[in-house]
C-alpha atoms as a PDB file:
ATOM      1  CA  UNK A   1      56.788 141.492 113.768  1.00  0.00           C
ATOM      2  CA  UNK A   2      56.592 143.445 110.239  1.00  0.00           C
ATOM      3  CA  UNK A   3      55.013 141.717 107.236  1.00  0.00           C
ATOM      4  CA  UNK A   4      57.899 139.449 105.709  1.00  0.00           C
ATOM      5  CA  UNK A   5      59.878 141.138 102.971  1.00  0.00           C
ATOM      6  CA  UNK A   6      59.491 137.680 100.762  1.00  0.00           C
ATOM      7  CA  UNK A   7      55.703 138.531 100.972  1.00  0.00           C
ATOM      8  CA  UNK A   8      55.938 141.919  99.246  1.00  0.00           C
ATOM      9  CA  UNK A   9      56.228 140.917  95.655  1.00  0.00           C
ATOM     10  CA  UNK A  10      53.703 138.561  95.826  1.00  0.00           C
ATOM     11  CA  UNK A  11      51.417 140.883  97.773  1.00  0.00           C
ATOM     12  CA  UNK A  12      52.146 143.830  95.256  1.00  0.00           C
ATOM     13  CA  UNK A  13      51.288 141.386  92.063  1.00  0.00           C
ATOM     14  CA  UNK A  14      48.135 140.392  93.332  1.00  0.00           C
ATOM     15  CA  UNK A  15      47.072 143.988  94.200  1.00  0.00           C
ATOM     16  CA  UNK A  16      47.880 145.133  91.032  1.00  0.00           C
ATOM     17  CA  UNK A  17      45.395 142.289  89.276  1.00  0.00           C
ATOM     18  CA  UNK A  18      42.834 143.454  91.442  1.00  0.00           C
ATOM     19  CA  UNK A  19      43.072 147.090  90.532  1.00  0.00           C
ATOM     20  CA  UNK A  20      42.979 145.926  87.037  1.00  0.00           C
ATOM     21  CA  UNK A  21      39.940 143.530  87.933  1.00  0.00           C
ATOM     22  CA  UNK A  22      41.792 140.649  86.630  1.00  0.00           C
ATOM     23  CA  UNK A  23      41.900 138.745  90.043  1.00  0.00           C
ATOM     24  CA  UNK A  24      41.692 134.446  89.057  1.00  0.00           C
ATOM     25  CA  UNK A  25      39.235 132.877  90.422  1.00  0.00           C
ATOM     26  CA  UNK A  26      41.232 129.920  91.751  1.00  0.00           C
ATOM     27  CA  UNK A  27      44.878 130.937  93.702  1.00  0.00           C
ATOM     28  CA  UNK A  28      47.364 128.229  94.737  1.00  0.00           C
ATOM     29  CA  UNK A  29      49.629 129.026  97.658  1.00  0.00           C
ATOM     30  CA  UNK A  30      52.370 126.883  97.876  1.00  0.00           C
ATOM     31  CA  UNK A  31      55.836 126.458  99.414  1.00  0.00           C
ATOM     32  CA  UNK A  32      57.437 124.967 102.212  1.00  0.00           C
ATOM     33  CA  UNK A  33      56.100 125.073 105.403  1.00  0.00           C
ATOM     34  CA  UNK A  34      56.612 128.173 107.923  1.00  0.00           C
ATOM     35  CA  UNK A  35      56.913 130.989 105.361  1.00  0.00           C
ATOM     36  CA  UNK A  36      53.480 132.651 106.424  1.00  0.00           C
ATOM     37  CA  UNK A  37      51.147 131.100 103.178  1.00  0.00           C
ATOM     38  CA  UNK A  38      48.670 131.247 105.639  1.00  0.00           C
ATOM     39  CA  UNK A  39      49.059 134.849 107.406  1.00  0.00           C
ATOM     40  CA  UNK A  40      49.542 136.034 103.463  1.00  0.00           C
ATOM     41  CA  UNK A  41      45.794 133.890 102.839  1.00  0.00           C
ATOM     42  CA  UNK A  42      44.257 135.525 105.905  1.00  0.00           C
ATOM     43  CA  UNK A  43      45.717 138.976 104.996  1.00  0.00           C
ATOM     44  CA  UNK A  44      44.442 138.814 101.439  1.00  0.00           C
ATOM     45  CA  UNK A  45      40.895 137.299 102.336  1.00  0.00           C
ATOM     46  CA  UNK A  46      40.601 139.768 104.786  1.00  0.00           C
ATOM     47  CA  UNK A  47      41.248 142.682 102.508  1.00  0.00           C
ATOM     48  CA  UNK A  48      39.223 141.554  99.521  1.00  0.00           C
ATOM     49  CA  UNK A  49      36.187 141.180 101.508  1.00  0.00           C
ATOM     50  CA  UNK A  50      36.646 144.536 103.466  1.00  0.00           C
ATOM     51  CA  UNK A  51      34.087 147.038 102.558  1.00  0.00           C
ATOM     52  CA  UNK A  52      37.091 150.059 103.275  1.00  0.00           C
ATOM     53  CA  UNK A  53      40.533 148.455 102.343  1.00  0.00           C
ATOM     54  CA  UNK A  54      43.448 150.557 101.880  1.00  0.00           C
ATOM     55  CA  UNK A  55      46.016 148.980  99.459  1.00  0.00           C
ATOM     56  CA  UNK A  56      44.702 145.997  99.663  1.00  0.00           C
ATOM     57  CA  UNK A  57      44.490 145.548 103.628  1.00  0.00           C
ATOM     58  CA  UNK A  58      41.732 145.547 105.437  1.00  0.00           C
ATOM     59  CA  UNK A  59      40.445 148.368 107.550  1.00  0.00           C
ATOM     60  CA  UNK A  60      39.893 146.310 110.627  1.00  0.00           C
ATOM     61  CA  UNK A  61      36.316 148.078 111.979  1.00  0.00           C
ATOM     62  CA  UNK A  62      33.700 147.787 109.158  1.00  0.00           C
ATOM     63  CA  UNK A  63      31.183 144.991 109.723  1.00  0.00           C
ATOM     64  CA  UNK A  64      32.602 143.013 106.957  1.00  0.00           C
ATOM     65  CA  UNK A  65      36.395 142.975 109.279  1.00  0.00           C
ATOM     66  CA  UNK A  66      34.178 142.417 112.541  1.00  0.00           C
ATOM     67  CA  UNK A  67      32.448 139.307 111.083  1.00  0.00           C
ATOM     68  CA  UNK A  68      35.559 137.848 109.675  1.00  0.00           C
ATOM     69  CA  UNK A  69      37.915 138.296 112.624  1.00  0.00           C
ATOM     70  CA  UNK A  70      34.677 136.536 114.488  1.00  0.00           C
ATOM     71  CA  UNK A  71      34.871 133.604 112.502  1.00  0.00           C
ATOM     72  CA  UNK A  72      31.308 134.022 111.333  1.00  0.00           C
ATOM     73  CA  UNK A  73      31.825 136.125 107.870  1.00  0.00           C
ATOM     74  CA  UNK A  74      28.817 134.827 105.904  1.00  0.00           C
ATOM     75  CA  UNK A  75      31.047 135.289 102.517  1.00  0.00           C
ATOM     76  CA  UNK A  76      33.907 133.034 103.233  1.00  0.00           C
ATOM     77  CA  UNK A  77      34.442 129.415 104.546  1.00  0.00           C
ATOM     78  CA  UNK A  78      37.603 127.837 105.774  1.00  0.00           C
ATOM     79  CA  UNK A  79      37.615 123.612 104.746  1.00  0.00           C
ATOM     80  CA  UNK A  80      40.062 121.485 106.372  1.00  0.00           C
ATOM     81  CA  UNK A  81      40.122 118.219 107.905  1.00  0.00           C
ATOM     82  CA  UNK A  82      36.717 117.451 109.271  1.00  0.00           C
ATOM     83  CA  UNK A  83      35.549 114.388 111.844  1.00  0.00           C
ATOM     84  CA  UNK A  84      34.779 110.997 110.957  1.00  0.00           C
ATOM     85  CA  UNK A  85      30.597 109.619 112.485  1.00  0.00           C
ATOM     86  CA  UNK A  86      33.029 108.416 115.663  1.00  0.00           C
ATOM     87  CA  UNK A  87      34.455 112.238 116.206  1.00  0.00           C
ATOM     88  CA  UNK A  88      38.198 111.515 115.352  1.00  0.00           C
ATOM     89  CA  UNK A  89      39.512 113.995 113.072  1.00  0.00           C
ATOM     90  CA  UNK A  90      40.230 112.616 109.185  1.00  0.00           C
ATOM     91  CA  UNK A  91      43.562 112.984 107.762  1.00  0.00           C
ATOM     92  CA  UNK A  92      42.113 113.534 104.276  1.00  0.00           C
ATOM     93  CA  UNK A  93      39.613 116.085 102.548  1.00  0.00           C
ATOM     94  CA  UNK A  94      36.780 113.750 101.347  1.00  0.00           C
ATOM     95  CA  UNK A  95      34.371 114.464  98.563  1.00  0.00           C
ATOM     96  CA  UNK A  96      31.196 114.876 100.716  1.00  0.00           C
ATOM     97  CA  UNK A  97      33.044 118.176 102.110  1.00  0.00           C
ATOM     98  CA  UNK A  98      34.252 119.550  98.375  1.00  0.00           C
ATOM     99  CA  UNK A  99      30.611 119.118  97.477  1.00  0.00           C
ATOM    100  CA  UNK A 100      28.979 121.235 100.151  1.00  0.00           C
ATOM    101  CA  UNK A 101      31.532 123.723  99.523  1.00  0.00           C
ATOM    102  CA  UNK A 102      30.918 123.742  95.893  1.00  0.00           C
ATOM    103  CA  UNK A 103      27.201 124.440  96.651  1.00  0.00           C
ATOM    104  CA  UNK A 104      27.913 127.052  99.506  1.00  0.00           C
ATOM    105  CA  UNK A 105      29.784 129.065  96.447  1.00  0.00           C
ATOM    106  CA  UNK A 106      27.090 128.794  94.096  1.00  0.00           C
ATOM    107  CA  UNK A 107      24.632 131.075  96.345  1.00  0.00           C
ATOM    108  CA  UNK A 108      24.756 134.410  95.943  1.00  0.00           C
ATOM    109  CA  UNK A 109      26.850 136.662  98.086  1.00  0.00           C
ATOM    110  CA  UNK A 110      25.149 138.397 100.988  1.00  0.00           C
ATOM    111  CA  UNK A 111      27.410 141.284 101.231  1.00  0.00           C
ATOM    112  CA  UNK A 112      27.258 141.875  97.089  1.00  0.00           C
ATOM    113  CA  UNK A 113      31.105 141.098  96.896  1.00  0.00           C
ATOM    114  CA  UNK A 114      32.837 138.421  96.457  1.00  0.00           C
ATOM    115  CA  UNK A 115      32.131 134.667  97.894  1.00  0.00           C
ATOM    116  CA  UNK A 116      35.500 133.089  98.960  1.00  0.00           C
ATOM    117  CA  UNK A 117      36.492 129.790  99.863  1.00  0.00           C
ATOM    118  CA  UNK A 118      39.889 128.514 101.124  1.00  0.00           C
ATOM    119  CA  UNK A 119      41.081 124.687 101.365  1.00  0.00           C
ATOM    120  CA  UNK A 120      43.840 123.893 103.694  1.00  0.00           C
ATOM    121  CA  UNK A 121      45.957 121.667 103.089  1.00  0.00           C
ATOM    122  CA  UNK A 122      44.935 121.126  99.651  1.00  0.00           C
ATOM    123  CA  UNK A 123      47.146 118.289  99.183  1.00  0.00           C
ATOM    124  CA  UNK A 124      45.192 116.296 101.786  1.00  0.00           C
ATOM    125  CA  UNK A 125      42.385 116.189  99.163  1.00  0.00           C
ATOM    126  CA  UNK A 126      41.736 112.162  98.545  1.00  0.00           C
ATOM    127  CA  UNK A 127      41.144 111.145  94.664  1.00  0.00           C
ATOM    128  CA  UNK A 128      37.490 111.626  94.766  1.00  0.00           C
ATOM    129  CA  UNK A 129      37.434 115.025  96.856  1.00  0.00           C
ATOM    130  CA  UNK A 130      39.897 116.761  93.824  1.00  0.00           C
ATOM    131  CA  UNK A 131      37.829 114.986  90.934  1.00  0.00           C
ATOM    132  CA  UNK A 132      35.196 116.772  92.775  1.00  0.00           C
ATOM    133  CA  UNK A 133      36.802 120.106  92.737  1.00  0.00           C
ATOM    134  CA  UNK A 134      37.469 119.880  89.470  1.00  0.00           C
ATOM    135  CA  UNK A 135      33.876 121.279  87.917  1.00  0.00           C
ATOM    136  CA  UNK A 136      34.051 124.453  90.641  1.00  0.00           C
ATOM    137  CA  UNK A 137      37.258 125.314  88.786  1.00  0.00           C
ATOM    138  CA  UNK A 138      36.049 124.628  85.497  1.00  0.00           C
ATOM    139  CA  UNK A 139      33.013 126.458  85.931  1.00  0.00           C
ATOM    140  CA  UNK A 140      33.460 129.175  88.159  1.00  0.00           C
ATOM    141  CA  UNK A 141      30.304 131.237  89.599  1.00  0.00           C
ATOM    142  CA  UNK A 142      31.010 135.291  88.926  1.00  0.00           C
ATOM    143  CA  UNK A 143      33.064 136.789  91.827  1.00  0.00           C
ATOM    144  CA  UNK A 144      33.869 133.921  93.617  1.00  0.00           C
ATOM    145  CA  UNK A 145      37.366 132.448  94.441  1.00  0.00           C
ATOM    146  CA  UNK A 146      39.065 129.235  95.787  1.00  0.00           C
ATOM    147  CA  UNK A 147      42.539 129.961  97.682  1.00  0.00           C
ATOM    148  CA  UNK A 148      44.154 126.626  98.027  1.00  0.00           C
ATOM    149  CA  UNK A 149      47.030 126.273 100.254  1.00  0.00           C
ATOM    150  CA  UNK A 150      49.719 123.513 100.211  1.00  0.00           C
ATOM    151  CA  UNK A 151      53.037 122.312 101.707  1.00  0.00           C
ATOM    152  CA  UNK A 152      53.436 119.975  99.260  1.00  0.00           C
ATOM    153  CA  UNK A 153      51.679 120.710  96.163  1.00  0.00           C
ATOM    154  CA  UNK A 154      53.019 117.517  94.177  1.00  0.00           C
ATOM    155  CA  UNK A 155      50.642 115.480  95.894  1.00  0.00           C
ATOM    156  CA  UNK A 156      47.743 117.211  94.576  1.00  0.00           C
ATOM    157  CA  UNK A 157      46.384 116.354  90.644  1.00  0.00           C
ATOM    158  CA  UNK A 158      48.281 118.316  87.473  1.00  0.00           C
ATOM    159  CA  UNK A 159      44.370 119.061  86.736  1.00  0.00           C
ATOM    160  CA  UNK A 160      43.985 120.747  89.643  1.00  0.00           C
ATOM    161  CA  UNK A 161      47.340 122.640  89.819  1.00  0.00           C
ATOM    162  CA  UNK A 162      46.834 123.901  86.094  1.00  0.00           C
ATOM    163  CA  UNK A 163      43.898 125.642  86.599  1.00  0.00           C
ATOM    164  CA  UNK A 164      45.160 127.672  89.659  1.00  0.00           C
ATOM    165  CA  UNK A 165      47.096 130.896  89.541  1.00  0.00           C
ATOM    166  CA  UNK A 166      49.912 129.780  91.395  1.00  0.00           C
ATOM    167  CA  UNK A 167      52.018 131.406  94.029  1.00  0.00           C
ATOM    168  CA  UNK A 168      55.172 129.892  94.820  1.00  0.00           C
ATOM    169  CA  UNK A 169      56.965 130.851  98.704  1.00  0.00           C
ATOM    170  CA  UNK A 170      60.372 130.035  98.281  1.00  0.00           C
ATOM    171  CA  UNK A 171      63.132 130.126 101.168  1.00  0.00           C
ATOM    172  CA  UNK A 172      64.684 134.001 101.011  1.00  0.00           C
ATOM    173  CA  UNK A 173      68.210 134.950 101.035  1.00  0.00           C
ATOM    174  CA  UNK A 174      70.195 133.657 104.347  1.00  0.00           C
ATOM    175  CA  UNK A 175      70.913 137.702 105.137  1.00  0.00           C
ATOM    176  CA  UNK A 176      67.370 138.202 104.568  1.00  0.00           C
ATOM    177  CA  UNK A 177      66.182 135.087 106.875  1.00  0.00           C
ATOM    178  CA  UNK A 178      69.006 136.344 109.676  1.00  0.00           C
ATOM    179  CA  UNK A 179      67.684 139.701 109.828  1.00  0.00           C
ATOM    180  CA  UNK A 180      64.172 138.712 110.015  1.00  0.00           C
ATOM    181  CA  UNK A 181      65.074 136.602 113.169  1.00  0.00           C
ATOM    182  CA  UNK A 182      66.934 138.879 114.778  1.00  0.00           C
ATOM    183  CA  UNK A 183      64.086 141.320 114.661  1.00  0.00           C
ATOM    184  CA  UNK A 184      61.641 138.326 116.108  1.00  0.00           C
ATOM    185  CA  UNK A 185      64.096 138.076 118.646  1.00  0.00           C
ATOM    186  CA  UNK A 186      65.050 134.477 118.185  1.00  0.00           C
ATOM    187  CA  UNK A 187      68.628 133.899 119.770  1.00  0.00           C
ATOM    188  CA  UNK A 188      71.214 131.770 117.728  1.00  0.00           C
ATOM    189  CA  UNK A 189      69.592 132.741 114.855  1.00  0.00           C
ATOM    190  CA  UNK A 190      72.476 131.122 112.762  1.00  0.00           C
ATOM    191  CA  UNK A 191      71.929 128.157 114.621  1.00  0.00           C
ATOM    192  CA  UNK A 192      68.038 127.847 114.231  1.00  0.00           C
ATOM    193  CA  UNK A 193      68.108 128.979 110.205  1.00  0.00           C
ATOM    194  CA  UNK A 194      70.902 126.006 109.868  1.00  0.00           C
ATOM    195  CA  UNK A 195      68.842 123.542 111.653  1.00  0.00           C
ATOM    196  CA  UNK A 196      65.646 124.489 109.946  1.00  0.00           C
ATOM    197  CA  UNK A 197      67.638 124.306 106.676  1.00  0.00           C
ATOM    198  CA  UNK A 198      67.411 128.145 105.758  1.00  0.00           C
ATOM    199  CA  UNK A 199      63.626 128.262 106.388  1.00  0.00           C
ATOM    200  CA  UNK A 200      63.441 131.250 108.606  1.00  0.00           C
ATOM    201  CA  UNK A 201      59.381 130.698 109.888  1.00  0.00           C
ATOM    202  CA  UNK A 202      60.418 127.151 110.717  1.00  0.00           C
ATOM    203  CA  UNK A 203      63.778 128.377 112.677  1.00  0.00           C
ATOM    204  CA  UNK A 204      61.875 130.983 114.648  1.00  0.00           C
ATOM    205  CA  UNK A 205      58.837 128.122 115.533  1.00  0.00           C
ATOM    206  CA  UNK A 206      61.733 125.233 116.487  1.00  0.00           C
ATOM    207  CA  UNK A 207      63.880 128.211 118.337  1.00  0.00           C
ATOM    208  CA  UNK A 208      60.480 128.849 120.337  1.00  0.00           C
ATOM    209  CA  UNK A 209      59.933 124.716 121.114  1.00  0.00           C
ATOM    210  CA  UNK A 210      63.630 124.382 122.051  1.00  0.00           C
ATOM    211  CA  UNK A 211      63.808 122.231 119.013  1.00  0.00           C
ATOM    212  CA  UNK A 212      67.668 123.153 118.950  1.00  0.00           C
ATOM    213  CA  UNK A 213      68.318 120.898 122.053  1.00  0.00           C
ATOM    214  CA  UNK A 214      66.123 118.196 120.385  1.00  0.00           C
ATOM    215  CA  UNK A 215      68.717 118.448 117.451  1.00  0.00           C
ATOM    216  CA  UNK A 216      71.648 117.837 119.554  1.00  0.00           C
ATOM    217  CA  UNK A 217      70.044 114.913 121.345  1.00  0.00           C
ATOM    218  CA  UNK A 218      69.309 113.206 117.837  1.00  0.00           C
ATOM    219  CA  UNK A 219      73.010 113.623 117.057  1.00  0.00           C
ATOM    220  CA  UNK A 220      74.260 112.072 120.515  1.00  0.00           C
ATOM    221  CA  UNK A 221      72.017 109.516 119.768  1.00  0.00           C
ATOM    222  CA  UNK A 222      73.091 108.362 116.362  1.00  0.00           C
ATOM    223  CA  UNK A 223      76.632 108.697 117.514  1.00  0.00           C
ATOM    224  CA  UNK A 224      75.821 106.396 120.172  1.00  0.00           C
ATOM    225  CA  UNK A 225      74.326 103.629 117.862  1.00  0.00           C
ATOM    226  CA  UNK A 226      77.049 103.752 115.600  1.00  0.00           C
ATOM    227  CA  UNK A 227      79.478 102.799 118.420  1.00  0.00           C
ATOM    228  CA  UNK A 228      77.708 100.119 119.943  1.00  0.00           C
ATOM    229  CA  UNK A 229      76.229 101.657 122.866  1.00  0.00           C
ATOM    230  CA  UNK A 230      72.615 102.753 121.989  1.00  0.00           C
ATOM    231  CA  UNK A 231      69.585 100.566 122.094  1.00  0.00           C
ATOM    232  CA  UNK A 232      67.540 100.936 118.644  1.00  0.00           C
ATOM    233  CA  UNK A 233      64.434 100.067 119.593  1.00  0.00           C
ATOM    234  CA  UNK A 234      64.430 102.274 123.129  1.00  0.00           C
ATOM    235  CA  UNK A 235      65.401 105.111 120.655  1.00  0.00           C
ATOM    236  CA  UNK A 236      62.389 104.377 118.202  1.00  0.00           C
ATOM    237  CA  UNK A 237      60.257 104.719 120.968  1.00  0.00           C
ATOM    238  CA  UNK A 238      61.561 107.923 122.379  1.00  0.00           C
ATOM    239  CA  UNK A 239      62.003 109.316 118.934  1.00  0.00           C
ATOM    240  CA  UNK A 240      58.032 108.050 118.663  1.00  0.00           C
ATOM    241  CA  UNK A 241      56.819 109.815 121.295  1.00  0.00           C
ATOM    242  CA  UNK A 242      58.433 113.311 120.744  1.00  0.00           C
ATOM    243  CA  UNK A 243      58.136 114.392 117.182  1.00  0.00           C
ATOM    244  CA  UNK A 244      58.943 111.925 115.471  1.00  0.00           C
ATOM    245  CA  UNK A 245      59.053 114.005 111.882  1.00  0.00           C
ATOM    246  CA  UNK A 246      61.141 116.185 113.204  1.00  0.00           C
ATOM    247  CA  UNK A 247      63.636 114.054 114.880  1.00  0.00           C
ATOM    248  CA  UNK A 248      63.759 112.594 111.406  1.00  0.00           C
ATOM    249  CA  UNK A 249      64.346 115.523 109.745  1.00  0.00           C
ATOM    250  CA  UNK A 250      67.349 116.588 112.211  1.00  0.00           C
ATOM    251  CA  UNK A 251      68.619 112.796 111.955  1.00  0.00           C
ATOM    252  CA  UNK A 252      68.769 113.175 107.845  1.00  0.00           C
ATOM    253  CA  UNK A 253      70.303 116.566 108.445  1.00  0.00           C
ATOM    254  CA  UNK A 254      73.121 115.002 110.702  1.00  0.00           C
ATOM    255  CA  UNK A 255      74.167 112.116 108.152  1.00  0.00           C
ATOM    256  CA  UNK A 256      74.073 114.902 105.671  1.00  0.00           C
ATOM    257  CA  UNK A 257      76.911 116.412 107.786  1.00  0.00           C
ATOM    258  CA  UNK A 258      78.984 113.057 107.970  1.00  0.00           C
ATOM    259  CA  UNK A 259      78.858 112.820 104.377  1.00  0.00           C
ATOM    260  CA  UNK A 260      80.250 116.260 103.932  1.00  0.00           C
ATOM    261  CA  UNK A 261      82.835 115.783 106.748  1.00  0.00           C
ATOM    262  CA  UNK A 262      84.108 112.794 105.069  1.00  0.00           C
ATOM    263  CA  UNK A 263      84.199 114.664 101.309  1.00  0.00           C
ATOM    264  CA  UNK A 264      86.104 117.394 102.918  1.00  0.00           C
ATOM    265  CA  UNK A 265      88.680 114.705 104.767  1.00  0.00           C
ATOM    266  CA  UNK A 266      87.445 115.823 108.461  1.00  0.00           C
ATOM    267  CA  UNK A 267      86.726 114.254 111.381  1.00  0.00           C
ATOM    268  CA  UNK A 268      82.917 113.110 110.969  1.00  0.00           C
ATOM    269  CA  UNK A 269      80.717 113.967 113.743  1.00  0.00           C
ATOM    270  CA  UNK A 270      78.663 110.646 113.784  1.00  0.00           C
ATOM    271  CA  UNK A 271      81.680 108.246 113.348  1.00  0.00           C
ATOM    272  CA  UNK A 272      79.268 106.037 111.449  1.00  0.00           C
ATOM    273  CA  UNK A 273      80.876 102.821 110.340  1.00  0.00           C
ATOM    274  CA  UNK A 274      78.951 103.135 107.143  1.00  0.00           C
ATOM    275  CA  UNK A 275      80.556 103.579 103.954  1.00  0.00           C
ATOM    276  CA  UNK A 276      79.781 106.579 101.260  1.00  0.00           C
ATOM    277  CA  UNK A 277      77.076 104.712  99.675  1.00  0.00           C
ATOM    278  CA  UNK A 278      75.189 103.587 102.836  1.00  0.00           C
ATOM    279  CA  UNK A 279      75.224 106.964 104.153  1.00  0.00           C
ATOM    280  CA  UNK A 280      73.556 108.131 101.105  1.00  0.00           C
ATOM    281  CA  UNK A 281      70.873 104.908 101.229  1.00  0.00           C
ATOM    282  CA  UNK A 282      70.112 106.050 104.980  1.00  0.00           C
ATOM    283  CA  UNK A 283      69.623 109.556 104.111  1.00  0.00           C
ATOM    284  CA  UNK A 284      67.391 108.693 101.628  1.00  0.00           C
ATOM    285  CA  UNK A 285      65.473 106.052 104.309  1.00  0.00           C
ATOM    286  CA  UNK A 286      64.994 108.785 106.670  1.00  0.00           C
ATOM    287  CA  UNK A 287      63.332 110.991 104.191  1.00  0.00           C
ATOM    288  CA  UNK A 288      61.005 108.222 103.369  1.00  0.00           C
ATOM    289  CA  UNK A 289      60.315 107.304 106.987  1.00  0.00           C
ATOM    290  CA  UNK A 290      59.176 111.125 108.100  1.00  0.00           C
ATOM    291  CA  UNK A 291      56.430 111.024 104.789  1.00  0.00           C
ATOM    292  CA  UNK A 292      55.616 107.214 105.942  1.00  0.00           C
ATOM    293  CA  UNK A 293      54.832 107.995 109.455  1.00  0.00           C
ATOM    294  CA  UNK A 294      51.620 110.000 108.008  1.00  0.00           C
ATOM    295  CA  UNK A 295      50.411 106.798 106.543  1.00  0.00           C
ATOM    296  CA  UNK A 296      48.753 103.697 108.266  1.00  0.00           C
ATOM    297  CA  UNK A 297      52.298 101.744 109.127  1.00  0.00           C
ATOM    298  CA  UNK A 298      53.399 101.184 112.433  1.00  0.00           C
ATOM    299  CA  UNK A 299      55.368 104.145 113.558  1.00  0.00           C
ATOM    300  CA  UNK A 300      57.583 101.978 116.225  1.00  0.00           C
ATOM    301  CA  UNK A 301      58.421  99.352 113.510  1.00  0.00           C
ATOM    302  CA  UNK A 302      59.247 101.892 110.892  1.00  0.00           C
ATOM    303  CA  UNK A 303      61.407 103.623 113.123  1.00  0.00           C
ATOM    304  CA  UNK A 304      62.892 100.475 114.076  1.00  0.00           C
ATOM    305  CA  UNK A 305      63.793  99.517 110.960  1.00  0.00           C
ATOM    306  CA  UNK A 306      65.640 102.571 109.863  1.00  0.00           C
ATOM    307  CA  UNK A 307      67.310 102.759 113.291  1.00  0.00           C
ATOM    308  CA  UNK A 308      68.719  99.214 112.617  1.00  0.00           C
ATOM    309  CA  UNK A 309      69.982  99.964 109.350  1.00  0.00           C
ATOM    310  CA  UNK A 310      72.315 102.445 110.980  1.00  0.00           C
ATOM    311  CA  UNK A 311      74.912 100.335 112.863  1.00  0.00           C
END
């Protein structure tokens, strides 16, 4: 696949700053999941560490590139979710990880160039971790760079966001997305793009995962529940066992289609008994439930409560 066209402007601006020796000490790559932020991160960091870069891109053959590709470059550290003492993966990034990262950045570069660290997902830092990162952001060492990646930057403290040069990845125009999907060989590109609400990266991923069949299943489930033929408890259990967050995305989408159909005096696909206000409230509840599934509450109870409100 070629480099996505929606990366080109961001890349050009960053490389122009590099040419002027004016790169920031902290970058924040943010925007919806699926737009290639992490591919952009890898390309940028690899090129920044390369000993013989060309227009910002790595040569791929120097010692620095070989070490980076092997995951052993001494001047780059990638921070993500760590493990608890019992070996279970954490759901947040904690203060000890940030302190260790800051100590690493304070050491001299082994290649005599940049010292780079990435934090992904940066919006998973807990309060103490974010506070610990502030000092590093406020007092950066010479030729060090922090690159933060966040799908939901609003979860990060404003004090962190304000100290980073922000690069926002936004949804491209529909024709750009369709061309990219067709180049990638995605079948039913328009349907996939609609399912992903205009996000080409998610559309491609979901087409590969056959998620469009799951989307139809969700709509059939809601229609059955609306007609009194469905079992909310059994449905909630089935959703919980197979990509519940994605199913809730599709459920909210289906309800939005229901509201649009009614507004246009068309046949409503779900035949819900809820009135307009009830549909809007259920749409909001579906999105809240999707967020809540990331927390400590029991997923089965969250889904049962939501589906119980549908009929």
